[in-house]
Amino acid sequence: MEDGNANIRRWEDLDIDILVKIFQLFDIFQLTSGIAHVCSSWRMACCDPLLWRTLDLSMLRSNFIKIPLEPFVYVDGRSDRTLTRLLKISLSLSRQSIVTLIFHFNLYVSDEQLTYTAERCPHVRRLVLPAWNRIKKTGMCKAIRGWKELESLTMPSIANPPYLLEEISTNCNNFRELKIMGPCDVYFASSLAAFLPNLRVLSLRCSVLYRDTLIVILDSLQNLEVLNISHCILMEAVPPPQHKRMMTEIDQTIREKASRLRQFLTCMDDSCIMCQRTRTDEGLVRWYKYEEGLWKTDEVRSLAL
């Protein structure tokens, strides 16, 4: 028996590189389930930077109900505790290795959770923001100031964009990609031109976009290389009493202005399912109604998840 036991290898003796390869197959729930406490070797493997280049929380969403007063959602306490636990364990194990941070669009993060995350993963280059009903201006600004290496942002549209764009302009010198999951009006486009004139890639897919807004973008963002307006409802303002009219194709003026771009991605096809869905949802796509993960897609490869 003693001789037989002597030949049995223990889990803690397994090569660290092999453990890391195994753990790379785990999702965030498995990685934070307590396996780092099995032994010192497992904890060392759990802290390997290869496991933490990306913190993907896109499978985690809040259990919430809508309410009539700000922040217009009430989040179940259990959802908050689950997120806080995941963040604390992940940010401890990752040891500032995270460069891509992804939140689900229906994950209602609080100010404290966002700023806590920003403080503990300062090297984030790509950020996919959650719904920010519960995030105040001060919390968002504090977080952006901590992400000085930020290059790419996916965000919902907001009523007052200048403060966010100004923070990015001031603190994120390498910023170059932006995806807005919601309407972009002239005010937003003008703010982009004012604060992010060096923007290289912009995606506005699946939203309402007015012709004059598109012209402001094309005229003002002289360094823009890629513009994605696929599946957008393109509107043209006209004199009263009609006020507005949906365009059925990209006119020659816009095509000429967009000709300098490396990529100008469009789709206004009546047979396209995504174009149909955008129109059905009146330019504010209800992603929860459709296939799981559909919101992650983008015609721009660098913005797809």
Protein backbone atom coordinates (compact mmCIF):
# COMPACT_ATOMS: atom_id res chain seq x y z
CA MET A 1 0.00 0.00 0.00
CA GLU A 2 2.78 2.41 0.93
CA ASP A 3 4.63 1.77 -2.34
CA GLY A 4 1.40 2.23 -4.29
CA ASN A 5 0.59 5.53 -2.58
CA ALA A 6 4.07 6.80 -3.28
CA ASN A 7 3.38 6.72 -7.01
CA ILE A 8 0.12 8.70 -6.80
CA ARG A 9 0.53 12.28 -8.01
CA ARG A 10 -1.30 14.97 -6.11
CA TRP A 11 -3.30 17.75 -7.78
CA GLU A 12 -1.03 20.36 -6.25
CA ASP A 13 1.94 18.74 -8.02
CA LEU A 14 0.38 19.28 -11.45
CA ASP A 15 2.41 21.61 -13.66
CA ILE A 16 1.20 25.23 -13.35
CA ASP A 17 1.03 25.67 -17.12
CA ILE A 18 -1.31 22.69 -17.41
CA LEU A 19 -3.50 24.05 -14.62
CA VAL A 20 -3.70 27.40 -16.39
CA LYS A 21 -4.76 25.72 -19.64
CA ILE A 22 -7.49 23.87 -17.76
CA PHE A 23 -8.67 27.02 -15.99
CA GLN A 24 -8.84 28.88 -19.29
CA LEU A 25 -11.83 26.68 -20.11
CA PHE A 26 -13.70 27.94 -17.03
CA ASP A 27 -16.20 30.80 -17.00
CA ILE A 28 -16.17 33.63 -14.46
CA PHE A 29 -18.47 31.76 -12.07
CA GLN A 30 -16.19 28.72 -12.02
CA LEU A 31 -13.03 30.78 -11.62
CA THR A 32 -14.50 32.59 -8.62
CA SER A 33 -16.11 29.51 -7.06
CA GLY A 34 -13.30 28.97 -4.56
CA ILE A 35 -10.85 26.87 -6.58
CA ALA A 36 -8.09 29.36 -5.69
CA HIS A 37 -8.35 28.13 -2.09
CA VAL A 38 -7.66 24.46 -2.90
CA CYS A 39 -3.90 24.84 -2.52
CA SER A 40 -1.07 27.29 -3.21
CA SER A 41 -0.45 25.86 -6.70
CA TRP A 42 -4.08 26.29 -7.71
CA ARG A 43 -4.09 29.85 -6.40
CA MET A 44 -0.93 30.61 -8.35
CA ALA A 45 -2.58 29.24 -11.49
CA CYS A 46 -5.79 31.20 -10.79
CA CYS A 47 -3.75 34.41 -10.67
CA ASP A 48 -2.04 33.82 -14.01
CA PRO A 49 -2.47 36.91 -16.28
CA LEU A 50 -3.56 34.66 -19.18
CA LEU A 51 -6.83 34.05 -17.34
CA TRP A 52 -7.50 37.71 -16.74
CA ARG A 53 -6.78 39.59 -19.95
CA THR A 54 -10.56 39.83 -20.26
CA LEU A 55 -13.10 40.09 -17.44
CA ASP A 56 -16.31 39.11 -19.20
CA LEU A 57 -19.43 39.77 -17.14
CA SER A 58 -21.70 39.74 -20.17
CA MET A 59 -23.56 36.66 -18.91
CA LEU A 60 -24.46 38.43 -15.66
CA ARG A 61 -27.52 40.68 -15.56
CA SER A 62 -29.43 42.34 -12.75
CA ASN A 63 -32.75 41.18 -11.41
CA PHE A 64 -34.61 44.49 -11.54
CA ILE A 65 -37.96 46.21 -11.89
CA LYS A 66 -38.62 49.58 -13.45
CA ILE A 67 -39.80 52.39 -11.18
CA PRO A 68 -41.13 55.88 -12.03
CA LEU A 69 -38.46 57.86 -10.13
CA GLU A 70 -34.68 58.08 -10.57
CA PRO A 71 -32.73 55.92 -11.11
CA PHE A 72 -35.84 54.38 -12.76
CA VAL A 73 -34.84 50.85 -11.75
CA TYR A 74 -34.86 48.96 -8.48
CA VAL A 75 -32.24 46.21 -8.32
CA ASP A 76 -32.76 43.16 -6.14
CA GLY A 77 -30.26 43.03 -3.28
CA ARG A 78 -29.20 39.50 -4.17
CA SER A 79 -28.14 40.70 -7.65
CA ASP A 80 -26.01 43.42 -6.10
CA ARG A 81 -24.37 41.02 -3.67
CA THR A 82 -23.61 38.54 -6.46
CA LEU A 83 -21.95 41.23 -8.57
CA THR A 84 -19.98 42.64 -5.63
CA ARG A 85 -18.72 39.16 -4.75
CA LEU A 86 -17.66 38.43 -8.34
CA LEU A 87 -15.88 41.76 -8.62
CA LYS A 88 -13.98 41.39 -5.36
CA ILE A 89 -12.75 37.88 -6.12
CA SER A 90 -11.97 38.60 -9.79
CA LEU A 91 -10.15 41.84 -9.12
CA SER A 92 -8.12 40.19 -6.36
CA LEU A 93 -7.08 37.22 -8.50
CA SER A 94 -6.41 39.27 -11.64
CA ARG A 95 -3.76 41.46 -9.97
CA GLN A 96 -4.35 44.35 -12.40
CA SER A 97 -4.01 42.12 -15.50
CA ILE A 98 -7.41 43.04 -16.99
CA VAL A 99 -7.26 44.95 -20.30
CA THR A 100 -10.79 44.21 -21.55
CA LEU A 101 -13.79 44.73 -19.26
CA ILE A 102 -17.26 43.72 -20.46
CA PHE A 103 -20.55 44.38 -18.65
CA HIS A 104 -23.99 43.19 -19.82
CA PHE A 105 -26.24 46.02 -21.04
CA ASN A 106 -28.82 45.00 -18.41
CA LEU A 107 -26.37 44.94 -15.52
CA TYR A 108 -27.19 47.92 -13.33
CA VAL A 109 -23.87 48.73 -11.69
CA SER A 110 -23.72 51.19 -8.80
CA ASP A 111 -21.26 54.06 -8.38
CA GLU A 112 -19.38 52.16 -5.70
CA GLN A 113 -19.06 49.01 -7.83
CA LEU A 114 -17.82 50.96 -10.86
CA THR A 115 -15.23 53.04 -9.01
CA TYR A 116 -14.07 49.98 -7.03
CA THR A 117 -13.51 48.19 -10.35
CA ALA A 118 -11.67 51.14 -11.91
CA GLU A 119 -9.30 51.42 -8.96
CA ARG A 120 -8.34 47.75 -9.16
CA CYS A 121 -7.94 47.31 -12.89
CA PRO A 122 -6.22 50.51 -14.07
CA HIS A 123 -4.88 49.01 -17.32
CA VAL A 124 -8.24 48.59 -19.09
CA ARG A 125 -8.00 49.41 -22.78
CA ARG A 126 -11.39 48.22 -23.93
CA LEU A 127 -14.56 48.92 -21.92
CA VAL A 128 -18.11 47.77 -22.60
CA LEU A 129 -20.26 49.78 -20.21
CA PRO A 130 -23.48 48.58 -18.60
CA ALA A 131 -26.72 50.48 -18.29
CA TRP A 132 -25.87 53.47 -16.12
CA ASN A 133 -29.13 54.40 -14.46
CA ARG A 134 -27.43 54.03 -11.07
CA ILE A 135 -24.12 55.63 -12.03
CA LYS A 136 -23.85 59.33 -11.23
CA LYS A 137 -21.71 61.85 -13.06
CA THR A 138 -19.14 61.93 -10.25
CA GLY A 139 -18.81 58.14 -10.24
CA MET A 140 -18.40 57.92 -14.01
CA CYS A 141 -15.82 60.71 -14.10
CA LYS A 142 -13.84 59.15 -11.27
CA ALA A 143 -13.79 55.81 -13.09
CA ILE A 144 -12.68 57.32 -16.41
CA ARG A 145 -9.85 59.17 -14.66
CA GLY A 146 -8.58 55.79 -13.48
CA TRP A 147 -8.63 54.28 -16.98
CA LYS A 148 -5.89 56.34 -18.59
CA GLU A 149 -5.00 53.58 -21.07
CA LEU A 150 -8.56 53.35 -22.43
CA GLU A 151 -8.70 52.96 -26.23
CA SER A 152 -12.18 51.62 -26.98
CA LEU A 153 -15.60 52.21 -25.43
CA THR A 154 -19.05 50.72 -26.04
CA MET A 155 -21.73 52.71 -24.29
CA PRO A 156 -25.46 53.46 -24.16
CA SER A 157 -26.48 56.89 -25.35
CA ILE A 158 -26.84 59.53 -22.64
CA ALA A 159 -28.68 62.83 -22.36
CA ASN A 160 -25.58 64.83 -21.41
CA PRO A 161 -22.53 63.44 -23.24
CA PRO A 162 -20.03 66.33 -22.98
CA TYR A 163 -18.88 65.58 -19.43
CA LEU A 164 -18.01 61.97 -20.31
CA LEU A 165 -16.34 62.82 -23.61
CA GLU A 166 -14.38 65.62 -21.95
CA GLU A 167 -13.11 63.22 -19.28
CA ILE A 168 -12.01 60.78 -22.00
CA SER A 169 -10.34 63.60 -23.93
CA THR A 170 -8.46 64.79 -20.84
CA ASN A 171 -7.42 61.42 -19.42
CA CYS A 172 -7.27 58.85 -22.25
CA ASN A 173 -4.64 59.89 -24.76
CA ASN A 174 -4.89 56.67 -26.81
CA PHE A 175 -8.67 56.66 -27.19
CA ARG A 176 -9.72 55.84 -30.77
CA GLU A 177 -12.89 53.66 -30.90
CA LEU A 178 -16.47 54.37 -29.85
CA LYS A 179 -19.70 52.42 -30.18
CA ILE A 180 -22.97 54.03 -29.12
CA MET A 181 -25.86 51.66 -28.44
CA GLY A 182 -28.64 54.18 -28.90
CA PRO A 183 -29.57 57.35 -30.77
CA CYS A 184 -26.90 59.88 -31.66
CA ASP A 185 -28.23 63.40 -32.28
CA VAL A 186 -26.55 66.58 -33.51
CA TYR A 187 -25.73 67.57 -29.93
CA PHE A 188 -23.90 64.29 -29.38
CA ALA A 189 -22.14 64.55 -32.75
CA SER A 190 -21.01 68.10 -31.98
CA SER A 191 -19.66 66.92 -28.61
CA LEU A 192 -17.73 64.17 -30.38
CA ALA A 193 -16.18 66.73 -32.70
CA ALA A 194 -15.31 69.04 -29.81
CA PHE A 195 -13.75 66.51 -27.46
CA LEU A 196 -12.73 63.51 -29.59
CA PRO A 197 -11.52 64.98 -32.89
CA ASN A 198 -8.98 62.17 -33.29
CA LEU A 199 -11.58 59.40 -33.15
CA ARG A 200 -10.74 56.66 -35.68
CA VAL A 201 -13.69 54.23 -35.44
CA LEU A 202 -17.36 54.98 -34.75
CA SER A 203 -20.33 52.58 -34.73
CA LEU A 204 -23.91 53.85 -34.54
CA ARG A 205 -25.62 50.68 -35.80
CA CYS A 206 -29.28 49.86 -35.11
CA SER A 207 -30.44 53.33 -34.09
CA VAL A 208 -32.14 56.48 -35.39
CA LEU A 209 -29.76 58.79 -37.23
CA TYR A 210 -30.66 62.12 -38.81
CA ARG A 211 -29.01 63.19 -42.05
CA ASP A 212 -27.72 66.46 -40.56
CA THR A 213 -26.14 64.51 -37.68
CA LEU A 214 -24.39 62.23 -40.15
CA ILE A 215 -23.08 65.25 -42.06
CA VAL A 216 -21.73 66.80 -38.85
CA ILE A 217 -19.88 63.56 -38.12
CA LEU A 218 -18.42 63.29 -41.61
CA ASP A 219 -17.44 66.97 -41.76
CA SER A 220 -16.07 67.33 -38.22
CA LEU A 221 -14.29 64.07 -37.50
CA GLN A 222 -11.51 64.46 -40.02
CA ASN A 223 -9.47 61.59 -38.60
CA LEU A 224 -12.33 59.12 -38.76
CA GLU A 225 -11.46 55.98 -40.74
CA VAL A 226 -14.38 53.63 -40.08
CA LEU A 227 -18.06 54.53 -39.70
CA ASN A 228 -20.77 51.93 -39.19
CA ILE A 229 -24.41 52.99 -39.65
CA SER A 230 -25.71 49.53 -40.57
CA HIS A 231 -29.42 48.91 -39.87
CA CYS A 232 -29.98 52.54 -38.85
CA ILE A 233 -33.21 54.41 -39.50
CA LEU A 234 -31.89 57.34 -41.49
CA MET A 235 -34.14 60.39 -41.20
CA GLU A 236 -34.21 63.66 -43.08
CA ALA A 237 -35.70 66.77 -41.49
CA VAL A 238 -38.08 68.59 -43.83
CA PRO A 239 -40.14 71.77 -43.49
CA PRO A 240 -43.51 71.61 -41.66
CA PRO A 241 -46.04 70.09 -41.66
CA GLN A 242 -44.12 66.84 -42.30
CA HIS A 243 -41.13 67.68 -40.05
CA LYS A 244 -39.25 64.46 -40.81
CA ARG A 245 -39.03 61.75 -43.44
CA MET A 246 -37.31 58.36 -43.51
CA MET A 247 -34.66 58.04 -46.18
CA THR A 248 -34.61 54.86 -48.26
CA GLU A 249 -31.02 55.19 -49.51
CA ILE A 250 -27.77 57.04 -48.91
CA ASP A 251 -27.75 60.17 -51.05
CA GLN A 252 -24.85 61.29 -53.23
CA THR A 253 -23.74 64.10 -50.91
CA ILE A 254 -23.24 61.74 -48.00
CA ARG A 255 -21.49 59.17 -50.20
CA GLU A 256 -19.05 61.81 -51.43
CA LYS A 257 -18.28 62.94 -47.89
CA ALA A 258 -17.83 59.32 -46.78
CA SER A 259 -15.56 58.44 -49.71
CA ARG A 260 -12.49 59.49 -47.73
CA LEU A 261 -13.20 56.80 -45.10
CA ARG A 262 -11.44 53.46 -45.19
CA GLN A 263 -14.77 51.77 -44.38
CA PHE A 264 -18.32 53.14 -44.58
CA LEU A 265 -20.63 50.34 -43.46
CA THR A 266 -24.32 50.65 -44.30
CA CYS A 267 -27.39 48.46 -44.60
CA MET A 268 -30.87 49.78 -45.45
CA ASP A 269 -32.32 46.61 -46.92
CA ASP A 270 -36.03 45.93 -46.42
CA SER A 271 -35.28 42.21 -46.40
CA CYS A 272 -32.62 42.51 -43.66
CA ILE A 273 -33.89 41.13 -40.34
CA MET A 274 -31.88 43.61 -38.25
CA CYS A 275 -33.14 46.55 -40.32
CA GLN A 276 -36.69 45.29 -39.77
CA ARG A 277 -36.12 44.96 -36.03
CA THR A 278 -34.69 48.47 -35.75
CA ARG A 279 -37.75 49.87 -37.49
CA THR A 280 -40.14 47.78 -35.39
CA ASP A 281 -38.45 49.08 -32.21
CA GLU A 282 -38.41 52.65 -33.61
CA GLY A 283 -34.65 53.00 -33.45
CA LEU A 284 -34.20 51.84 -29.87
CA VAL A 285 -33.67 48.10 -30.21
CA ARG A 286 -35.06 45.98 -27.36
CA TRP A 287 -32.20 43.50 -27.36
CA TYR A 288 -33.80 41.39 -24.63
CA LYS A 289 -36.50 40.32 -27.11
CA TYR A 290 -34.06 38.69 -29.50
CA GLU A 291 -31.40 36.00 -29.57
CA GLU A 292 -29.11 35.83 -26.57
CA GLY A 293 -25.88 37.71 -27.24
CA LEU A 294 -27.17 39.44 -30.38
CA TRP A 295 -26.30 42.81 -28.83
CA LYS A 296 -22.62 41.83 -28.95
CA THR A 297 -22.44 41.77 -32.74
CA ASP A 298 -20.96 44.53 -34.87
CA GLU A 299 -19.93 44.80 -38.50
CA VAL A 300 -16.69 46.40 -37.28
CA ARG A 301 -14.56 43.44 -36.24
CA SER A 302 -12.70 45.30 -33.49
CA LEU A 303 -16.01 46.25 -31.82
CA ALA A 304 -17.68 42.83 -31.98
CA LEU A 305 -17.61 40.70 -28.83
